[in-house]
């Protein structure tokens, strides 16, 4: 009972005031991460027991999470220490390229020609503009490219605008493929491509903005967002964390809208020629520009680990070689069976 009370109450060294005042941040170690990772092992065992087939993607995703966040943490530490605007710009460009690649090649099912550069420009211009506007004017950061504020804000804008852009483009290309006859009928009756594709654009943009709208509608009522939670854990005041989260949500809404709208308009422009004719052959399927060997590295690493574990388990469970062996080091049963029978 006394141990339970100590676990619940703690030793009081990290307790702050009830109003959310500043308090010392707990210095996390790798064994804290190991404790949390036991839940991943539990999920993997549950998947194996129920035959869900989720063990492999679960462990690969957890491995990628550890590696990617560790690398990003090391890079961000160097950037935070240097405080160079050129390094901050380079980091922002890398994040934009990776976000555009994820939206084009790993999220959408259908693609059109020049889709990667169009998404890259749409997401880059939108997130850089909204990020600069938000950090300098809405959040009052001076200079606006302060790495501790600008890079996290840009990362949140890119993550949400990537999802919105991928959803909008996937809906747009699906509508163009499935309603090709209907659109061509409108065009044959004298409608321009913008008039014929207006319902497609409206539906695509509505689909793109729906996750952001749903997130804003339930935030603070059902869920506590991640940024607000992080600020509270770090010791910020409650109202300051609330205002920061409100600003971020409005910035995310603007970045998602501008990025998805520009990407959808470019998509409609590419899928039609100068004579207002629908060109379905421009909707193609591309492969990633990242080498296949690099893409398959997590899967191959998982197979190697699984094979090594299986071999070790078989050696542990199999009987020793010396058991049942004859004087010449050979199993007598096998020797008897291998000796041919001589019939009289």
C-alpha atoms as a PDB file:
ATOM      1  CA  UNK A   1       0.000   0.000   0.000  1.00  0.00           C
ATOM      2  CA  UNK A   2       2.820   2.381   0.862  1.00  0.00           C
ATOM      3  CA  UNK A   3       4.509   1.589  -2.484  1.00  0.00           C
ATOM      4  CA  UNK A   4       1.275   2.436  -4.334  1.00  0.00           C
ATOM      5  CA  UNK A   5       1.017   5.777  -2.542  1.00  0.00           C
ATOM      6  CA  UNK A   6       4.618   6.608  -3.447  1.00  0.00           C
ATOM      7  CA  UNK A   7       3.921   5.758  -7.096  1.00  0.00           C
ATOM      8  CA  UNK A   8       0.818   7.958  -7.230  1.00  0.00           C
ATOM      9  CA  UNK A   9       2.123  10.921  -5.227  1.00  0.00           C
ATOM     10  CA  UNK A  10       5.786  10.806  -6.267  1.00  0.00           C
ATOM     11  CA  UNK A  11       8.505  12.537  -4.326  1.00  0.00           C
ATOM     12  CA  UNK A  12       7.270  16.032  -5.130  1.00  0.00           C
ATOM     13  CA  UNK A  13      10.464  17.174  -6.823  1.00  0.00           C
ATOM     14  CA  UNK A  14       8.793  17.977 -10.157  1.00  0.00           C
ATOM     15  CA  UNK A  15       5.483  19.353  -8.980  1.00  0.00           C
ATOM     16  CA  UNK A  16       4.565  22.805 -10.239  1.00  0.00           C
ATOM     17  CA  UNK A  17       1.835  25.180  -9.292  1.00  0.00           C
ATOM     18  CA  UNK A  18      -1.807  24.341  -9.992  1.00  0.00           C
ATOM     19  CA  UNK A  19      -2.093  27.128 -12.528  1.00  0.00           C
ATOM     20  CA  UNK A  20       0.414  25.563 -14.868  1.00  0.00           C
ATOM     21  CA  UNK A  21       3.427  27.574 -13.821  1.00  0.00           C
ATOM     22  CA  UNK A  22       6.965  26.733 -14.770  1.00  0.00           C
ATOM     23  CA  UNK A  23       8.410  23.480 -13.466  1.00  0.00           C
ATOM     24  CA  UNK A  24      11.584  21.531 -14.182  1.00  0.00           C
ATOM     25  CA  UNK A  25      11.380  19.260 -17.191  1.00  0.00           C
ATOM     26  CA  UNK A  26      12.085  15.596 -16.585  1.00  0.00           C
ATOM     27  CA  UNK A  27      15.304  14.590 -18.353  1.00  0.00           C
ATOM     28  CA  UNK A  28      14.305  11.516 -20.332  1.00  0.00           C
ATOM     29  CA  UNK A  29      16.742   8.683 -20.894  1.00  0.00           C
ATOM     30  CA  UNK A  30      16.782   5.822 -23.397  1.00  0.00           C
ATOM     31  CA  UNK A  31      15.461   3.408 -20.810  1.00  0.00           C
ATOM     32  CA  UNK A  32      12.293   5.521 -20.673  1.00  0.00           C
ATOM     33  CA  UNK A  33      11.886   4.902 -24.397  1.00  0.00           C
ATOM     34  CA  UNK A  34      12.520   1.194 -23.821  1.00  0.00           C
ATOM     35  CA  UNK A  35       9.759   1.108 -21.210  1.00  0.00           C
ATOM     36  CA  UNK A  36       7.313   2.691 -23.649  1.00  0.00           C
ATOM     37  CA  UNK A  37       8.426   0.315 -26.427  1.00  0.00           C
ATOM     38  CA  UNK A  38       7.118  -2.647 -24.438  1.00  0.00           C
ATOM     39  CA  UNK A  39       3.682  -1.634 -25.695  1.00  0.00           C
ATOM     40  CA  UNK A  40       4.892  -2.193 -29.254  1.00  0.00           C
ATOM     41  CA  UNK A  41       6.034  -5.684 -28.266  1.00  0.00           C
ATOM     42  CA  UNK A  42       2.659  -6.296 -26.662  1.00  0.00           C
ATOM     43  CA  UNK A  43       0.877  -5.228 -29.838  1.00  0.00           C
ATOM     44  CA  UNK A  44       3.145  -7.491 -31.894  1.00  0.00           C
ATOM     45  CA  UNK A  45       2.419 -10.490 -29.673  1.00  0.00           C
ATOM     46  CA  UNK A  46      -1.293  -9.731 -29.841  1.00  0.00           C
ATOM     47  CA  UNK A  47      -1.104  -9.576 -33.632  1.00  0.00           C
ATOM     48  CA  UNK A  48       0.701 -12.933 -33.755  1.00  0.00           C
ATOM     49  CA  UNK A  49      -1.799 -14.551 -31.379  1.00  0.00           C
ATOM     50  CA  UNK A  50      -4.828 -13.334 -33.333  1.00  0.00           C
ATOM     51  CA  UNK A  51      -3.254 -13.818 -36.762  1.00  0.00           C
ATOM     52  CA  UNK A  52      -3.707 -10.168 -37.736  1.00  0.00           C
ATOM     53  CA  UNK A  53      -0.522  -9.998 -39.805  1.00  0.00           C
ATOM     54  CA  UNK A  54       0.380  -6.592 -38.333  1.00  0.00           C
ATOM     55  CA  UNK A  55       3.623  -7.620 -36.647  1.00  0.00           C
ATOM     56  CA  UNK A  56       5.906  -6.818 -39.566  1.00  0.00           C
ATOM     57  CA  UNK A  57       4.511  -3.345 -40.436  1.00  0.00           C
ATOM     58  CA  UNK A  58       4.240  -2.519 -36.731  1.00  0.00           C
ATOM     59  CA  UNK A  59       7.888  -3.276 -35.946  1.00  0.00           C
ATOM     60  CA  UNK A  60       9.101  -1.650 -39.164  1.00  0.00           C
ATOM     61  CA  UNK A  61       7.128   1.508 -38.349  1.00  0.00           C
ATOM     62  CA  UNK A  62       8.483   1.539 -34.799  1.00  0.00           C
ATOM     63  CA  UNK A  63      12.032   1.076 -36.103  1.00  0.00           C
ATOM     64  CA  UNK A  64      11.580   3.918 -38.589  1.00  0.00           C
ATOM     65  CA  UNK A  65      10.128   6.103 -35.840  1.00  0.00           C
ATOM     66  CA  UNK A  66      13.192   5.616 -33.642  1.00  0.00           C
ATOM     67  CA  UNK A  67      15.729   6.069 -36.436  1.00  0.00           C
ATOM     68  CA  UNK A  68      14.041   9.033 -38.116  1.00  0.00           C
ATOM     69  CA  UNK A  69      13.380  10.951 -34.915  1.00  0.00           C
ATOM     70  CA  UNK A  70      16.900  10.300 -33.638  1.00  0.00           C
ATOM     71  CA  UNK A  71      18.418  11.592 -36.861  1.00  0.00           C
ATOM     72  CA  UNK A  72      16.111  14.602 -36.889  1.00  0.00           C
ATOM     73  CA  UNK A  73      16.944  15.347 -33.267  1.00  0.00           C
ATOM     74  CA  UNK A  74      20.667  15.306 -34.018  1.00  0.00           C
ATOM     75  CA  UNK A  75      20.201  17.593 -37.019  1.00  0.00           C
ATOM     76  CA  UNK A  76      17.930  19.991 -35.144  1.00  0.00           C
ATOM     77  CA  UNK A  77      20.394  20.223 -32.273  1.00  0.00           C
ATOM     78  CA  UNK A  78      23.117  21.351 -34.671  1.00  0.00           C
ATOM     79  CA  UNK A  79      20.773  23.874 -36.306  1.00  0.00           C
ATOM     80  CA  UNK A  80      19.569  25.236 -32.964  1.00  0.00           C
ATOM     81  CA  UNK A  81      23.135  25.701 -31.805  1.00  0.00           C
ATOM     82  CA  UNK A  82      24.307  27.314 -35.050  1.00  0.00           C
ATOM     83  CA  UNK A  83      21.283  29.649 -35.464  1.00  0.00           C
ATOM     84  CA  UNK A  84      22.209  30.171 -39.093  1.00  0.00           C
ATOM     85  CA  UNK A  85      19.394  31.302 -41.429  1.00  0.00           C
ATOM     86  CA  UNK A  86      20.998  29.366 -44.274  1.00  0.00           C
ATOM     87  CA  UNK A  87      20.861  26.103 -42.333  1.00  0.00           C
ATOM     88  CA  UNK A  88      17.260  26.848 -41.377  1.00  0.00           C
ATOM     89  CA  UNK A  89      16.372  27.449 -45.036  1.00  0.00           C
ATOM     90  CA  UNK A  90      18.145  24.232 -46.039  1.00  0.00           C
ATOM     91  CA  UNK A  91      16.239  22.291 -43.386  1.00  0.00           C
ATOM     92  CA  UNK A  92      12.957  23.818 -44.557  1.00  0.00           C
ATOM     93  CA  UNK A  93      13.668  22.849 -48.177  1.00  0.00           C
ATOM     94  CA  UNK A  94      14.509  19.279 -47.151  1.00  0.00           C
ATOM     95  CA  UNK A  95      11.244  19.007 -45.206  1.00  0.00           C
ATOM     96  CA  UNK A  96       9.271  20.368 -48.158  1.00  0.00           C
ATOM     97  CA  UNK A  97      10.860  17.913 -50.611  1.00  0.00           C
ATOM     98  CA  UNK A  98      10.227  14.955 -48.308  1.00  0.00           C
ATOM     99  CA  UNK A  99       6.642  16.056 -47.687  1.00  0.00           C
ATOM    100  CA  UNK A 100       5.948  16.443 -51.410  1.00  0.00           C
ATOM    101  CA  UNK A 101       7.449  13.024 -52.126  1.00  0.00           C
ATOM    102  CA  UNK A 102       5.316  11.426 -49.426  1.00  0.00           C
ATOM    103  CA  UNK A 103       2.160  13.084 -50.740  1.00  0.00           C
ATOM    104  CA  UNK A 104       2.806  12.099 -54.362  1.00  0.00           C
ATOM    105  CA  UNK A 105       4.334   8.637 -54.219  1.00  0.00           C
ATOM    106  CA  UNK A 106       3.255   7.079 -50.927  1.00  0.00           C
ATOM    107  CA  UNK A 107      -0.215   8.492 -50.282  1.00  0.00           C
ATOM    108  CA  UNK A 108      -2.162   8.988 -53.508  1.00  0.00           C
ATOM    109  CA  UNK A 109      -3.259   6.053 -55.656  1.00  0.00           C
ATOM    110  CA  UNK A 110      -3.478   7.992 -58.909  1.00  0.00           C
ATOM    111  CA  UNK A 111      -0.944  10.432 -60.290  1.00  0.00           C
ATOM    112  CA  UNK A 112      -0.698  12.802 -63.218  1.00  0.00           C
ATOM    113  CA  UNK A 113       2.340  13.942 -65.137  1.00  0.00           C
ATOM    114  CA  UNK A 114       4.354  16.729 -63.489  1.00  0.00           C
ATOM    115  CA  UNK A 115       2.592  15.936 -60.228  1.00  0.00           C
ATOM    116  CA  UNK A 116       5.705  16.007 -58.051  1.00  0.00           C
ATOM    117  CA  UNK A 117       6.913  19.487 -59.099  1.00  0.00           C
ATOM    118  CA  UNK A 118       3.364  20.870 -58.878  1.00  0.00           C
ATOM    119  CA  UNK A 119       2.864  19.518 -55.356  1.00  0.00           C
ATOM    120  CA  UNK A 120       6.364  20.662 -54.394  1.00  0.00           C
ATOM    121  CA  UNK A 121       5.666  24.228 -55.505  1.00  0.00           C
ATOM    122  CA  UNK A 122       2.158  24.274 -54.001  1.00  0.00           C
ATOM    123  CA  UNK A 123       3.191  22.962 -50.593  1.00  0.00           C
ATOM    124  CA  UNK A 124       6.457  24.915 -50.523  1.00  0.00           C
ATOM    125  CA  UNK A 125       4.989  28.318 -51.340  1.00  0.00           C
ATOM    126  CA  UNK A 126       1.960  27.825 -49.107  1.00  0.00           C
ATOM    127  CA  UNK A 127       3.806  26.539 -46.032  1.00  0.00           C
ATOM    128  CA  UNK A 128       6.698  28.991 -46.290  1.00  0.00           C
ATOM    129  CA  UNK A 129       4.360  31.959 -46.651  1.00  0.00           C
ATOM    130  CA  UNK A 130       1.961  30.856 -43.902  1.00  0.00           C
ATOM    131  CA  UNK A 131       4.843  29.823 -41.649  1.00  0.00           C
ATOM    132  CA  UNK A 132       6.557  33.188 -42.027  1.00  0.00           C
ATOM    133  CA  UNK A 133       3.293  35.045 -41.512  1.00  0.00           C
ATOM    134  CA  UNK A 134       2.394  32.984 -38.461  1.00  0.00           C
ATOM    135  CA  UNK A 135       5.717  33.070 -36.641  1.00  0.00           C
ATOM    136  CA  UNK A 136       6.378  36.783 -37.217  1.00  0.00           C
ATOM    137  CA  UNK A 137       2.924  38.361 -36.907  1.00  0.00           C
ATOM    138  CA  UNK A 138       0.628  35.850 -35.184  1.00  0.00           C
ATOM    139  CA  UNK A 139       3.202  34.512 -32.691  1.00  0.00           C
ATOM    140  CA  UNK A 140       5.364  37.638 -32.427  1.00  0.00           C
ATOM    141  CA  UNK A 141       8.693  35.837 -32.951  1.00  0.00           C
ATOM    142  CA  UNK A 142      11.582  38.157 -33.834  1.00  0.00           C
ATOM    143  CA  UNK A 143      13.369  37.195 -35.987  1.00  0.00           C
ATOM    144  CA  UNK A 144      10.773  35.037 -37.666  1.00  0.00           C
ATOM    145  CA  UNK A 145      13.366  32.421 -38.673  1.00  0.00           C
ATOM    146  CA  UNK A 146      14.221  31.554 -35.081  1.00  0.00           C
ATOM    147  CA  UNK A 147      14.790  27.773 -35.376  1.00  0.00           C
ATOM    148  CA  UNK A 148      13.002  26.813 -32.159  1.00  0.00           C
ATOM    149  CA  UNK A 149       9.744  28.299 -33.436  1.00  0.00           C
ATOM    150  CA  UNK A 150       9.955  28.349 -37.223  1.00  0.00           C
ATOM    151  CA  UNK A 151      11.002  24.740 -37.893  1.00  0.00           C
ATOM    152  CA  UNK A 152       8.396  23.082 -35.607  1.00  0.00           C
ATOM    153  CA  UNK A 153       5.662  25.313 -37.017  1.00  0.00           C
ATOM    154  CA  UNK A 154       6.755  24.544 -40.577  1.00  0.00           C
ATOM    155  CA  UNK A 155       6.782  20.832 -39.786  1.00  0.00           C
ATOM    156  CA  UNK A 156       3.200  20.921 -38.492  1.00  0.00           C
ATOM    157  CA  UNK A 157       2.052  22.926 -41.513  1.00  0.00           C
ATOM    158  CA  UNK A 158       3.731  20.507 -43.916  1.00  0.00           C
ATOM    159  CA  UNK A 159       2.314  17.427 -42.213  1.00  0.00           C
ATOM    160  CA  UNK A 160      -1.276  18.650 -42.379  1.00  0.00           C
ATOM    161  CA  UNK A 161      -1.045  20.265 -45.821  1.00  0.00           C
ATOM    162  CA  UNK A 162       0.506  17.044 -47.146  1.00  0.00           C
ATOM    163  CA  UNK A 163      -2.545  15.084 -46.010  1.00  0.00           C
ATOM    164  CA  UNK A 164      -4.950  17.671 -47.404  1.00  0.00           C
ATOM    165  CA  UNK A 165      -3.155  17.861 -50.761  1.00  0.00           C
ATOM    166  CA  UNK A 166      -2.999  14.078 -51.128  1.00  0.00           C
ATOM    167  CA  UNK A 167      -6.707  13.691 -50.343  1.00  0.00           C
ATOM    168  CA  UNK A 168      -7.677  16.493 -52.723  1.00  0.00           C
ATOM    169  CA  UNK A 169      -5.598  15.209 -55.628  1.00  0.00           C
ATOM    170  CA  UNK A 170      -6.722  11.626 -55.144  1.00  0.00           C
ATOM    171  CA  UNK A 171     -10.365  12.720 -55.182  1.00  0.00           C
ATOM    172  CA  UNK A 172      -9.812  14.945 -58.203  1.00  0.00           C
ATOM    173  CA  UNK A 173      -8.079  12.253 -60.267  1.00  0.00           C
ATOM    174  CA  UNK A 174     -10.657   9.652 -59.255  1.00  0.00           C
ATOM    175  CA  UNK A 175     -13.491  11.928 -60.337  1.00  0.00           C
ATOM    176  CA  UNK A 176     -11.788  12.621 -63.660  1.00  0.00           C
ATOM    177  CA  UNK A 177     -11.324   8.896 -64.288  1.00  0.00           C
ATOM    178  CA  UNK A 178     -14.759   7.725 -63.193  1.00  0.00           C
ATOM    179  CA  UNK A 179     -16.801  10.618 -64.645  1.00  0.00           C
ATOM    180  CA  UNK A 180     -14.918  10.930 -67.907  1.00  0.00           C
ATOM    181  CA  UNK A 181     -18.047  10.488 -70.056  1.00  0.00           C
ATOM    182  CA  UNK A 182     -20.001  13.047 -68.059  1.00  0.00           C
ATOM    183  CA  UNK A 183     -17.229  15.639 -68.339  1.00  0.00           C
ATOM    184  CA  UNK A 184     -16.847  15.013 -72.066  1.00  0.00           C
ATOM    185  CA  UNK A 185     -20.618  15.461 -72.460  1.00  0.00           C
ATOM    186  CA  UNK A 186     -20.386  18.884 -70.815  1.00  0.00           C
ATOM    187  CA  UNK A 187     -17.486  19.780 -73.095  1.00  0.00           C
ATOM    188  CA  UNK A 188     -19.375  18.662 -76.212  1.00  0.00           C
ATOM    189  CA  UNK A 189     -22.278  20.926 -75.234  1.00  0.00           C
ATOM    190  CA  UNK A 190     -20.011  23.989 -75.238  1.00  0.00           C
ATOM    191  CA  UNK A 191     -18.828  24.149 -71.642  1.00  0.00           C
ATOM    192  CA  UNK A 192     -15.272  25.204 -70.924  1.00  0.00           C
ATOM    193  CA  UNK A 193     -12.966  22.933 -68.978  1.00  0.00           C
ATOM    194  CA  UNK A 194     -13.397  25.048 -65.866  1.00  0.00           C
ATOM    195  CA  UNK A 195     -17.181  24.878 -66.126  1.00  0.00           C
ATOM    196  CA  UNK A 196     -17.108  21.121 -66.707  1.00  0.00           C
ATOM    197  CA  UNK A 197     -14.659  20.494 -63.875  1.00  0.00           C
ATOM    198  CA  UNK A 198     -16.079  22.858 -61.302  1.00  0.00           C
ATOM    199  CA  UNK A 199     -17.994  20.072 -59.451  1.00  0.00           C
ATOM    200  CA  UNK A 200     -14.819  17.979 -59.449  1.00  0.00           C
ATOM    201  CA  UNK A 201     -12.765  20.802 -57.962  1.00  0.00           C
ATOM    202  CA  UNK A 202     -15.408  21.587 -55.331  1.00  0.00           C
ATOM    203  CA  UNK A 203     -15.653  17.955 -54.224  1.00  0.00           C
ATOM    204  CA  UNK A 204     -11.869  17.562 -54.147  1.00  0.00           C
ATOM    205  CA  UNK A 205     -11.341  20.721 -52.106  1.00  0.00           C
ATOM    206  CA  UNK A 206     -14.132  19.758 -49.706  1.00  0.00           C
ATOM    207  CA  UNK A 207     -12.519  16.357 -49.173  1.00  0.00           C
ATOM    208  CA  UNK A 208      -9.110  17.950 -48.653  1.00  0.00           C
ATOM    209  CA  UNK A 209     -10.335  20.352 -45.968  1.00  0.00           C
ATOM    210  CA  UNK A 210     -12.556  17.907 -44.095  1.00  0.00           C
ATOM    211  CA  UNK A 211      -9.840  16.496 -41.759  1.00  0.00           C
ATOM    212  CA  UNK A 212      -8.767  19.990 -40.694  1.00  0.00           C
ATOM    213  CA  UNK A 213     -12.355  21.077 -40.097  1.00  0.00           C
ATOM    214  CA  UNK A 214     -13.090  17.952 -38.057  1.00  0.00           C
ATOM    215  CA  UNK A 215      -9.926  18.449 -36.039  1.00  0.00           C
ATOM    216  CA  UNK A 216     -10.821  22.040 -35.193  1.00  0.00           C
ATOM    217  CA  UNK A 217     -14.362  21.048 -34.236  1.00  0.00           C
ATOM    218  CA  UNK A 218     -13.300  18.481 -31.615  1.00  0.00           C
ATOM    219  CA  UNK A 219     -10.117  20.100 -30.342  1.00  0.00           C
ATOM    220  CA  UNK A 220     -10.323  21.014 -26.673  1.00  0.00           C
ATOM    221  CA  UNK A 221     -13.617  19.152 -26.328  1.00  0.00           C
ATOM    222  CA  UNK A 222     -12.619  15.537 -26.919  1.00  0.00           C
ATOM    223  CA  UNK A 223      -8.865  15.653 -27.492  1.00  0.00           C
ATOM    224  CA  UNK A 224      -5.953  17.701 -26.175  1.00  0.00           C
ATOM    225  CA  UNK A 225      -3.663  18.460 -29.125  1.00  0.00           C
ATOM    226  CA  UNK A 226      -0.023  17.489 -29.177  1.00  0.00           C
ATOM    227  CA  UNK A 227       1.497  20.965 -29.250  1.00  0.00           C
ATOM    228  CA  UNK A 228      -0.537  22.119 -26.261  1.00  0.00           C
ATOM    229  CA  UNK A 229       0.349  18.942 -24.385  1.00  0.00           C
ATOM    230  CA  UNK A 230       4.045  19.430 -25.118  1.00  0.00           C
ATOM    231  CA  UNK A 231       3.995  23.022 -23.876  1.00  0.00           C
ATOM    232  CA  UNK A 232       2.183  22.026 -20.691  1.00  0.00           C
ATOM    233  CA  UNK A 233       4.702  19.266 -20.014  1.00  0.00           C
ATOM    234  CA  UNK A 234       7.531  21.715 -20.660  1.00  0.00           C
ATOM    235  CA  UNK A 235       6.119  24.055 -18.015  1.00  0.00           C
ATOM    236  CA  UNK A 236       4.365  26.768 -20.036  1.00  0.00           C
ATOM    237  CA  UNK A 237       1.306  28.486 -18.625  1.00  0.00           C
ATOM    238  CA  UNK A 238      -2.029  26.968 -19.538  1.00  0.00           C
ATOM    239  CA  UNK A 239      -3.460  30.008 -21.311  1.00  0.00           C
ATOM    240  CA  UNK A 240      -0.281  30.579 -23.288  1.00  0.00           C
ATOM    241  CA  UNK A 241      -0.423  26.956 -24.470  1.00  0.00           C
ATOM    242  CA  UNK A 242      -4.097  27.395 -25.380  1.00  0.00           C
ATOM    243  CA  UNK A 243      -3.449  30.527 -27.440  1.00  0.00           C
ATOM    244  CA  UNK A 244      -0.485  28.948 -29.190  1.00  0.00           C
ATOM    245  CA  UNK A 245      -2.589  25.933 -30.165  1.00  0.00           C
ATOM    246  CA  UNK A 246      -5.359  28.159 -31.504  1.00  0.00           C
ATOM    247  CA  UNK A 247      -2.855  30.062 -33.646  1.00  0.00           C
ATOM    248  CA  UNK A 248      -1.362  26.825 -34.974  1.00  0.00           C
ATOM    249  CA  UNK A 249      -4.755  25.416 -35.917  1.00  0.00           C
ATOM    250  CA  UNK A 250      -5.648  28.548 -37.880  1.00  0.00           C
ATOM    251  CA  UNK A 251      -2.272  28.476 -39.628  1.00  0.00           C
ATOM    252  CA  UNK A 252      -2.800  24.802 -40.504  1.00  0.00           C
ATOM    253  CA  UNK A 253      -6.221  25.620 -41.936  1.00  0.00           C
ATOM    254  CA  UNK A 254      -4.777  28.329 -44.179  1.00  0.00           C
ATOM    255  CA  UNK A 255      -1.789  26.291 -45.335  1.00  0.00           C
ATOM    256  CA  UNK A 256      -3.953  23.247 -46.116  1.00  0.00           C
ATOM    257  CA  UNK A 257      -6.444  25.338 -48.073  1.00  0.00           C
ATOM    258  CA  UNK A 258      -3.863  27.174 -50.188  1.00  0.00           C
ATOM    259  CA  UNK A 259      -1.733  24.083 -50.868  1.00  0.00           C
ATOM    260  CA  UNK A 260      -4.641  21.822 -51.836  1.00  0.00           C
ATOM    261  CA  UNK A 261      -6.365  24.515 -53.915  1.00  0.00           C
ATOM    262  CA  UNK A 262      -3.279  25.320 -55.978  1.00  0.00           C
ATOM    263  CA  UNK A 263      -2.446  21.618 -56.436  1.00  0.00           C
ATOM    264  CA  UNK A 264      -5.995  20.839 -57.599  1.00  0.00           C
ATOM    265  CA  UNK A 265      -6.041  23.735 -60.064  1.00  0.00           C
ATOM    266  CA  UNK A 266      -2.699  22.650 -61.513  1.00  0.00           C
ATOM    267  CA  UNK A 267      -4.013  19.091 -61.762  1.00  0.00           C
ATOM    268  CA  UNK A 268      -7.047  20.220 -63.766  1.00  0.00           C
ATOM    269  CA  UNK A 269      -4.828  22.344 -65.978  1.00  0.00           C
ATOM    270  CA  UNK A 270      -2.526  19.414 -66.725  1.00  0.00           C
ATOM    271  CA  UNK A 271      -5.321  16.910 -67.412  1.00  0.00           C
ATOM    272  CA  UNK A 272      -6.786  19.146 -70.152  1.00  0.00           C
ATOM    273  CA  UNK A 273      -5.044  20.442 -73.250  1.00  0.00           C
ATOM    274  CA  UNK A 274      -5.250  23.898 -74.800  1.00  0.00           C
ATOM    275  CA  UNK A 275      -8.323  22.844 -76.817  1.00  0.00           C
ATOM    276  CA  UNK A 276     -10.313  22.000 -73.662  1.00  0.00           C
ATOM    277  CA  UNK A 277     -10.095  18.266 -74.287  1.00  0.00           C
ATOM    278  CA  UNK A 278      -9.801  15.803 -71.435  1.00  0.00           C
ATOM    279  CA  UNK A 279      -6.549  13.827 -71.654  1.00  0.00           C
ATOM    280  CA  UNK A 280      -6.969  10.702 -69.491  1.00  0.00           C
ATOM    281  CA  UNK A 281      -3.637   9.313 -70.704  1.00  0.00           C
ATOM    282  CA  UNK A 282      -1.916  11.979 -68.603  1.00  0.00           C
ATOM    283  CA  UNK A 283      -3.153  10.238 -65.468  1.00  0.00           C
ATOM    284  CA  UNK A 284      -0.372   7.736 -64.982  1.00  0.00           C
ATOM    285  CA  UNK A 285       1.291   5.696 -62.289  1.00  0.00           C
ATOM    286  CA  UNK A 286       4.844   6.577 -61.434  1.00  0.00           C
ATOM    287  CA  UNK A 287       7.420   4.922 -59.240  1.00  0.00           C
ATOM    288  CA  UNK A 288       9.394   6.643 -56.545  1.00  0.00           C
ATOM    289  CA  UNK A 289      12.688   8.291 -57.430  1.00  0.00           C
ATOM    290  CA  UNK A 290      14.181   6.855 -54.238  1.00  0.00           C
ATOM    291  CA  UNK A 291      16.174   3.696 -55.128  1.00  0.00           C
ATOM    292  CA  UNK A 292      14.268   0.503 -54.563  1.00  0.00           C
ATOM    293  CA  UNK A 293      17.075  -0.950 -52.485  1.00  0.00           C
ATOM    294  CA  UNK A 294      16.718   1.882 -49.963  1.00  0.00           C
ATOM    295  CA  UNK A 295      12.940   1.500 -49.866  1.00  0.00           C
ATOM    296  CA  UNK A 296      13.242  -2.229 -49.193  1.00  0.00           C
ATOM    297  CA  UNK A 297      15.898  -1.861 -46.480  1.00  0.00           C
ATOM    298  CA  UNK A 298      13.439  -1.962 -43.521  1.00  0.00           C
ATOM    299  CA  UNK A 299      11.703  -5.014 -44.983  1.00  0.00           C
ATOM    300  CA  UNK A 300      15.000  -6.813 -45.584  1.00  0.00           C
ATOM    301  CA  UNK A 301      16.227  -5.940 -42.101  1.00  0.00           C
ATOM    302  CA  UNK A 302      13.026  -7.371 -40.630  1.00  0.00           C
ATOM    303  CA  UNK A 303      13.408 -10.582 -42.654  1.00  0.00           C
ATOM    304  CA  UNK A 304      17.019 -10.976 -41.512  1.00  0.00           C
ATOM    305  CA  UNK A 305      16.080 -10.496 -37.859  1.00  0.00           C
ATOM    306  CA  UNK A 306      13.193 -12.937 -38.200  1.00  0.00           C
ATOM    307  CA  UNK A 307      15.405 -15.527 -39.924  1.00  0.00           C
ATOM    308  CA  UNK A 308      18.103 -15.213 -37.266  1.00  0.00           C
ATOM    309  CA  UNK A 309      15.541 -15.625 -34.503  1.00  0.00           C
ATOM    310  CA  UNK A 310      14.024 -18.698 -36.158  1.00  0.00           C
ATOM    311  CA  UNK A 311      17.459 -20.313 -36.615  1.00  0.00           C
ATOM    312  CA  UNK A 312      18.362 -19.627 -32.989  1.00  0.00           C
ATOM    313  CA  UNK A 313      15.043 -21.037 -31.817  1.00  0.00           C
ATOM    314  CA  UNK A 314      15.488 -24.211 -33.886  1.00  0.00           C
ATOM    315  CA  UNK A 315      18.983 -24.771 -32.512  1.00  0.00           C
ATOM    316  CA  UNK A 316      17.724 -24.290 -28.987  1.00  0.00           C
ATOM    317  CA  UNK A 317      14.833 -26.729 -29.350  1.00  0.00           C
ATOM    318  CA  UNK A 318      16.546 -29.384 -31.475  1.00  0.00           C
ATOM    319  CA  UNK A 319      18.252 -32.293 -29.617  1.00  0.00           C
ATOM    320  CA  UNK A 320      21.989 -32.289 -29.294  1.00  0.00           C
ATOM    321  CA  UNK A 321      24.006 -33.879 -32.051  1.00  0.00           C
ATOM    322  CA  UNK A 322      25.743 -36.167 -29.603  1.00  0.00           C
ATOM    323  CA  UNK A 323      22.513 -37.768 -28.389  1.00  0.00           C
ATOM    324  CA  UNK A 324      21.990 -41.209 -29.899  1.00  0.00           C
ATOM    325  CA  UNK A 325      25.383 -41.156 -31.615  1.00  0.00           C
ATOM    326  CA  UNK A 326      27.424 -44.363 -31.981  1.00  0.00           C
ATOM    327  CA  UNK A 327      31.083 -44.875 -31.220  1.00  0.00           C
ATOM    328  CA  UNK A 328      32.022 -43.282 -34.530  1.00  0.00           C
ATOM    329  CA  UNK A 329      29.973 -40.146 -33.862  1.00  0.00           C
ATOM    330  CA  UNK A 330      27.090 -41.264 -36.092  1.00  0.00           C
ATOM    331  CA  UNK A 331      23.524 -41.928 -35.165  1.00  0.00           C
ATOM    332  CA  UNK A 332      23.084 -45.682 -35.011  1.00  0.00           C
ATOM    333  CA  UNK A 333      19.459 -45.501 -36.077  1.00  0.00           C
ATOM    334  CA  UNK A 334      20.385 -43.602 -39.208  1.00  0.00           C
ATOM    335  CA  UNK A 335      23.196 -46.057 -39.887  1.00  0.00           C
ATOM    336  CA  UNK A 336      20.849 -49.011 -39.574  1.00  0.00           C
ATOM    337  CA  UNK A 337      18.304 -47.438 -41.849  1.00  0.00           C
ATOM    338  CA  UNK A 338      20.921 -46.503 -44.404  1.00  0.00           C
ATOM    339  CA  UNK A 339      22.360 -50.076 -44.535  1.00  0.00           C
ATOM    340  CA  UNK A 340      20.805 -51.950 -47.463  1.00  0.00           C
ATOM    341  CA  UNK A 341      18.972 -55.190 -46.679  1.00  0.00           C
ATOM    342  CA  UNK A 342      20.598 -58.357 -48.040  1.00  0.00           C
ATOM    343  CA  UNK A 343      18.090 -60.998 -48.992  1.00  0.00           C
ATOM    344  CA  UNK A 344      19.205 -64.644 -48.785  1.00  0.00           C
END
